[in-house]
């Protein structure tokens, strides 16, 4: 399966892979800075990921969260380079013992492979000694953790960003937590955001702030329509249009209704 693209950005290298090439949600970027890898990519793209990681020795692999597009090649990388990957504490058991994934996700990414990992620590560094700071940013997933590189002004954002606006939400995402995590990330001093789906985003802090503002506006409009007595289905249709193929293929695990239902319940719009 083809490599979908390569990236070079001020010391950061990346490879975009994916069984399908139907937009950013169907492809994934593995990033590295010299001997440090950020996320491992989906299992069904291992040949392409292996070619990328084989280009340089790997000293450490940092996993943002347990989702299979981010973690499924960790076991293969660990075996290839004799390392124990780092992962969020909340993800250690899921990564070691495995977890179920919906069929649609298996179609896009393959199945996750169990791997033994170790928790992050406060001594993680790049090859030049500059610090890597893990920042717990739950919401998309309970274990989602971004990596802040203060000297470089980089934020490896996992799935915190993706786009300036969203139209769908997973059923297990927590929108209150997600927005709180975005506010936390915006307290950091970074310019470049490294998103494994969108790609490198210059002016990333501004882009993340724009996403938070767009989410506030959507929540405010959803709450206003709900308070006027519109049923949930009508609020969804008014703001985002009717459900589409995404909802049906995912069996409503990833859909517009999840987003609007959560938006109506968001507590803090500041």
Protein backbone atom coordinates (compact mmCIF):
# COMPACT_ATOMS: atom_id res chain seq x y z
CA UNK A 1 0.00 0.00 0.00
CA UNK A 2 1.47 3.36 -0.98
CA UNK A 3 3.03 6.00 1.19
CA UNK A 4 0.66 8.96 0.88
CA UNK A 5 3.23 11.67 1.59
CA UNK A 6 6.46 12.66 3.34
CA UNK A 7 7.02 15.70 5.56
CA UNK A 8 10.05 17.75 6.57
CA UNK A 9 9.59 20.60 9.03
CA UNK A 10 12.53 22.12 10.92
CA UNK A 11 13.98 18.86 12.21
CA UNK A 12 10.69 16.94 12.20
CA UNK A 13 10.20 14.17 9.65
CA UNK A 14 6.94 12.40 8.93
CA UNK A 15 5.36 9.78 6.71
CA UNK A 16 1.64 9.67 5.86
CA UNK A 17 0.18 6.19 5.38
CA UNK A 18 -3.28 4.73 4.98
CA UNK A 19 -5.19 1.90 3.34
CA UNK A 20 -7.62 4.49 1.99
CA UNK A 21 -6.92 8.05 0.94
CA UNK A 22 -10.33 9.61 1.56
CA UNK A 23 -9.36 12.62 3.65
CA UNK A 24 -7.37 13.22 6.80
CA UNK A 25 -9.44 10.85 8.95
CA UNK A 26 -8.45 7.88 6.78
CA UNK A 27 -4.68 8.46 6.77
CA UNK A 28 -2.10 8.78 9.53
CA UNK A 29 1.28 10.50 9.96
CA UNK A 30 4.08 8.98 12.03
CA UNK A 31 6.51 11.68 13.14
CA UNK A 32 10.09 11.54 14.35
CA UNK A 33 12.83 13.84 15.52
CA UNK A 34 16.11 11.97 15.05
CA UNK A 35 15.86 8.89 17.33
CA UNK A 36 12.46 9.73 18.88
CA UNK A 37 9.22 8.45 17.30
CA UNK A 38 5.84 9.98 18.05
CA UNK A 39 3.10 7.33 17.66
CA UNK A 40 3.48 4.14 15.65
CA UNK A 41 0.76 4.14 13.03
CA UNK A 42 -1.89 1.52 12.10
CA UNK A 43 -1.13 -2.20 11.90
CA UNK A 44 -2.25 -2.61 8.29
CA UNK A 45 0.41 -0.07 7.24
CA UNK A 46 3.36 -1.75 8.95
CA UNK A 47 5.43 -2.32 5.77
CA UNK A 48 5.37 1.42 5.01
CA UNK A 49 5.96 2.40 8.63
CA UNK A 50 8.78 -0.14 8.93
CA UNK A 51 10.55 1.38 5.92
CA UNK A 52 10.29 4.81 7.55
CA UNK A 53 11.50 3.80 11.01
CA UNK A 54 14.35 1.71 9.56
CA UNK A 55 15.96 4.85 8.13
CA UNK A 56 17.38 5.83 11.54
CA UNK A 57 18.02 4.12 14.89
CA UNK A 58 15.10 4.44 17.31
CA UNK A 59 15.86 5.15 20.98
CA UNK A 60 12.33 5.83 22.16
CA UNK A 61 8.71 5.62 21.00
CA UNK A 62 6.13 7.90 22.61
CA UNK A 63 2.46 6.97 22.24
CA UNK A 64 -0.18 9.69 22.62
CA UNK A 65 -3.07 7.29 23.36
CA UNK A 66 -4.22 3.73 22.87
CA UNK A 67 -6.31 4.11 19.68
CA UNK A 68 -5.15 1.65 17.05
CA UNK A 69 -4.09 4.17 14.42
CA UNK A 70 -1.64 5.60 16.98
CA UNK A 71 -0.40 2.49 18.77
CA UNK A 72 -0.82 -0.68 16.71
CA UNK A 73 2.78 -0.92 15.42
CA UNK A 74 4.33 -0.30 18.83
CA UNK A 75 4.96 -4.02 19.43
CA UNK A 76 6.75 -4.41 16.10
CA UNK A 77 8.87 -1.30 16.71
CA UNK A 78 9.67 -2.44 20.25
CA UNK A 79 10.88 -5.80 18.95
CA UNK A 80 12.83 -4.31 16.07
CA UNK A 81 14.78 -1.85 18.25
CA UNK A 82 14.68 -3.64 21.61
CA UNK A 83 12.90 -0.81 23.41
CA UNK A 84 9.90 -0.46 25.71
CA UNK A 85 7.58 2.25 24.35
CA UNK A 86 6.23 5.01 26.58
CA UNK A 87 2.47 5.44 26.91
CA UNK A 88 -0.05 7.16 29.21
CA UNK A 89 -0.63 5.39 32.53
CA UNK A 90 -4.33 5.08 31.65
CA UNK A 91 -3.41 3.13 28.49
CA UNK A 92 -0.92 0.59 29.86
CA UNK A 93 -3.39 -2.26 30.47
CA UNK A 94 -5.32 -1.74 27.24
CA UNK A 95 -2.13 -1.77 25.24
CA UNK A 96 -0.78 -4.85 27.02
CA UNK A 97 -3.93 -6.98 27.05
CA UNK A 98 -5.76 -5.68 24.00
CA UNK A 99 -9.20 -4.20 23.45
CA UNK A 100 -12.09 -4.48 21.00
CA UNK A 101 -12.46 -2.09 18.07
CA UNK A 102 -15.47 -1.51 15.80
CA UNK A 103 -15.42 -3.25 12.42
CA UNK A 104 -15.23 0.04 10.52
CA UNK A 105 -12.04 0.96 12.39
CA UNK A 106 -10.59 -2.46 11.64
CA UNK A 107 -11.31 -1.82 7.97
CA UNK A 108 -9.40 1.47 8.00
CA UNK A 109 -6.58 0.64 10.42
CA UNK A 110 -6.43 -3.10 11.10
CA UNK A 111 -6.46 -4.64 14.57
CA UNK A 112 -4.33 -3.40 17.48
CA UNK A 113 -1.41 -5.59 18.54
CA UNK A 114 -0.78 -6.00 22.28
CA UNK A 115 2.42 -4.41 23.57
CA UNK A 116 4.09 -3.91 26.93
CA UNK A 117 4.68 -0.21 27.59
CA UNK A 118 6.00 1.96 30.40
CA UNK A 119 4.59 5.20 31.83
CA UNK A 120 5.97 8.59 30.91
CA UNK A 121 8.48 10.22 33.23
CA UNK A 122 9.83 13.73 33.78
CA UNK A 123 13.23 12.90 32.29
CA UNK A 124 12.20 12.36 28.66
CA UNK A 125 14.44 14.24 26.24
CA UNK A 126 15.30 14.55 22.58
CA UNK A 127 18.72 13.53 21.29
CA UNK A 128 20.10 17.01 22.12
CA UNK A 129 18.90 17.00 25.72
CA UNK A 130 15.94 19.31 25.16
CA UNK A 131 12.89 18.29 27.22
CA UNK A 132 9.76 16.48 26.11
CA UNK A 133 6.85 17.38 28.38
CA UNK A 134 3.80 15.07 28.42
CA UNK A 135 0.54 17.00 28.89
CA UNK A 136 -2.55 14.97 29.75
CA UNK A 137 -5.40 16.22 27.54
CA UNK A 138 -8.40 13.88 27.94
CA UNK A 139 -11.64 14.23 26.05
CA UNK A 140 -11.07 12.51 22.73
CA UNK A 141 -9.87 9.59 24.86
CA UNK A 142 -9.31 9.35 28.60
CA UNK A 143 -5.61 8.70 28.08
CA UNK A 144 -4.87 11.25 25.33
CA UNK A 145 -1.57 12.96 26.02
CA UNK A 146 0.12 15.67 23.96
CA UNK A 147 3.89 16.19 23.86
CA UNK A 148 5.11 19.75 24.39
CA UNK A 149 8.61 20.67 23.27
CA UNK A 150 9.19 24.09 24.85
CA UNK A 151 12.60 24.77 23.29
CA UNK A 152 11.31 24.09 19.78
CA UNK A 153 7.85 25.60 20.29
CA UNK A 154 6.20 22.36 19.11
CA UNK A 155 3.07 20.58 20.29
CA UNK A 156 2.57 16.98 19.13
CA UNK A 157 -1.17 17.07 19.56
CA UNK A 158 -2.42 13.51 19.11
CA UNK A 159 -6.11 13.85 18.25
CA UNK A 160 -6.67 17.10 20.14
CA UNK A 161 -6.84 19.26 17.01
CA UNK A 162 -7.64 17.52 13.67
CA UNK A 163 -9.41 20.58 12.19
CA UNK A 164 -10.64 24.09 13.04
CA UNK A 165 -14.20 22.79 13.21
CA UNK A 166 -15.76 19.38 13.71
CA UNK A 167 -19.01 17.84 12.53
CA UNK A 168 -18.88 14.43 14.21
CA UNK A 169 -18.07 13.02 17.65
CA UNK A 170 -17.29 9.50 18.83
CA UNK A 171 -19.79 8.11 21.30
CA UNK A 172 -17.06 7.70 23.93
CA UNK A 173 -15.66 11.25 23.63
CA UNK A 174 -16.26 13.76 26.42
CA UNK A 175 -16.80 17.23 24.96
CA UNK A 176 -16.52 18.98 28.33
CA UNK A 177 -13.12 17.39 28.88
CA UNK A 178 -12.03 18.00 25.30
CA UNK A 179 -12.71 21.73 25.54
CA UNK A 180 -10.99 21.92 28.94
CA UNK A 181 -7.96 20.16 27.45
CA UNK A 182 -7.86 22.64 24.59
CA UNK A 183 -7.89 25.50 27.09
CA UNK A 184 -5.00 23.81 28.92
CA UNK A 185 -2.99 23.38 25.71
CA UNK A 186 -3.52 27.06 24.88
CA UNK A 187 -1.63 28.02 28.05
CA UNK A 188 1.52 26.52 26.49
CA UNK A 189 3.97 28.55 24.42
CA UNK A 190 4.03 26.86 21.01
CA UNK A 191 3.68 27.90 17.39
CA UNK A 192 3.83 24.67 15.40
CA UNK A 193 1.24 21.97 16.03
CA UNK A 194 2.06 18.48 14.75
CA UNK A 195 -1.24 16.71 14.09
CA UNK A 196 -0.98 13.07 12.93
CA UNK A 197 -3.99 13.49 10.67
CA UNK A 198 -3.98 17.14 9.54
CA UNK A 199 -0.19 17.42 9.28
CA UNK A 200 2.14 20.17 10.55
CA UNK A 201 0.22 23.36 11.30
CA UNK A 202 2.22 26.60 11.47
CA UNK A 203 0.40 29.07 13.63
CA UNK A 204 -0.92 26.02 15.43
CA UNK A 205 -1.80 27.83 18.64
CA UNK A 206 -3.97 30.26 16.67
CA UNK A 207 -5.59 27.34 14.84
CA UNK A 208 -6.33 25.52 18.10
CA UNK A 209 -7.83 28.70 19.58
CA UNK A 210 -10.02 29.03 16.48
CA UNK A 211 -11.24 25.45 16.93
CA UNK A 212 -12.13 26.11 20.57
CA UNK A 213 -14.01 29.25 19.59
CA UNK A 214 -15.90 27.39 16.86
CA UNK A 215 -16.86 24.71 19.36
CA UNK A 216 -18.09 27.33 21.83
CA UNK A 217 -20.26 28.87 19.12
CA UNK A 218 -21.69 25.49 18.10
CA UNK A 219 -22.46 24.61 21.72
CA UNK A 220 -24.15 27.98 22.27
CA UNK A 221 -26.34 27.59 19.19
CA UNK A 222 -27.24 24.00 20.06
CA UNK A 223 -28.19 24.95 23.59
CA UNK A 224 -30.28 27.87 22.38
CA UNK A 225 -32.23 25.70 19.92
CA UNK A 226 -32.72 23.01 22.54
CA UNK A 227 -34.04 25.57 25.04
CA UNK A 228 -36.50 26.71 22.38
CA UNK A 229 -37.96 23.21 22.41
CA UNK A 230 -36.50 21.73 19.21
CA UNK A 231 -36.00 17.94 19.41
CA UNK A 232 -32.44 16.68 19.18
CA UNK A 233 -32.88 15.40 15.61
CA UNK A 234 -34.05 18.82 14.45
CA UNK A 235 -31.19 20.60 16.19
CA UNK A 236 -28.74 18.28 14.42
CA UNK A 237 -30.36 18.90 11.05
CA UNK A 238 -30.51 22.67 11.57
CA UNK A 239 -26.84 22.99 12.54
CA UNK A 240 -25.06 20.17 10.70
CA UNK A 241 -27.52 18.67 8.25
CA UNK A 242 -28.90 15.15 8.30
CA UNK A 243 -26.79 12.18 9.29
CA UNK A 244 -24.75 10.77 6.42
CA UNK A 245 -22.85 7.63 5.46
CA UNK A 246 -20.30 8.18 8.23
CA UNK A 247 -22.97 7.59 10.87
CA UNK A 248 -24.33 4.45 9.23
CA UNK A 249 -20.96 2.86 8.50
CA UNK A 250 -19.88 3.41 12.12
CA UNK A 251 -23.26 2.31 13.48
CA UNK A 252 -23.57 5.79 14.98
CA UNK A 253 -20.35 5.40 16.96
CA UNK A 254 -19.08 8.47 15.06
CA UNK A 255 -21.84 10.85 14.07
CA UNK A 256 -23.35 14.33 14.15
CA UNK A 257 -25.96 13.41 16.75
CA UNK A 258 -23.25 12.51 19.28
CA UNK A 259 -21.71 15.94 18.79
CA UNK A 260 -24.92 17.92 19.18
CA UNK A 261 -26.10 15.84 22.15
CA UNK A 262 -22.79 16.55 23.87
CA UNK A 263 -22.84 20.23 22.84
CA UNK A 264 -26.23 20.71 24.52
CA UNK A 265 -24.75 19.38 27.77
CA UNK A 266 -21.51 21.39 27.77
CA UNK A 267 -21.27 23.33 31.01
CA UNK A 268 -18.50 25.88 30.46
CA UNK A 269 -18.59 28.08 27.35
CA UNK A 270 -15.93 30.53 28.59
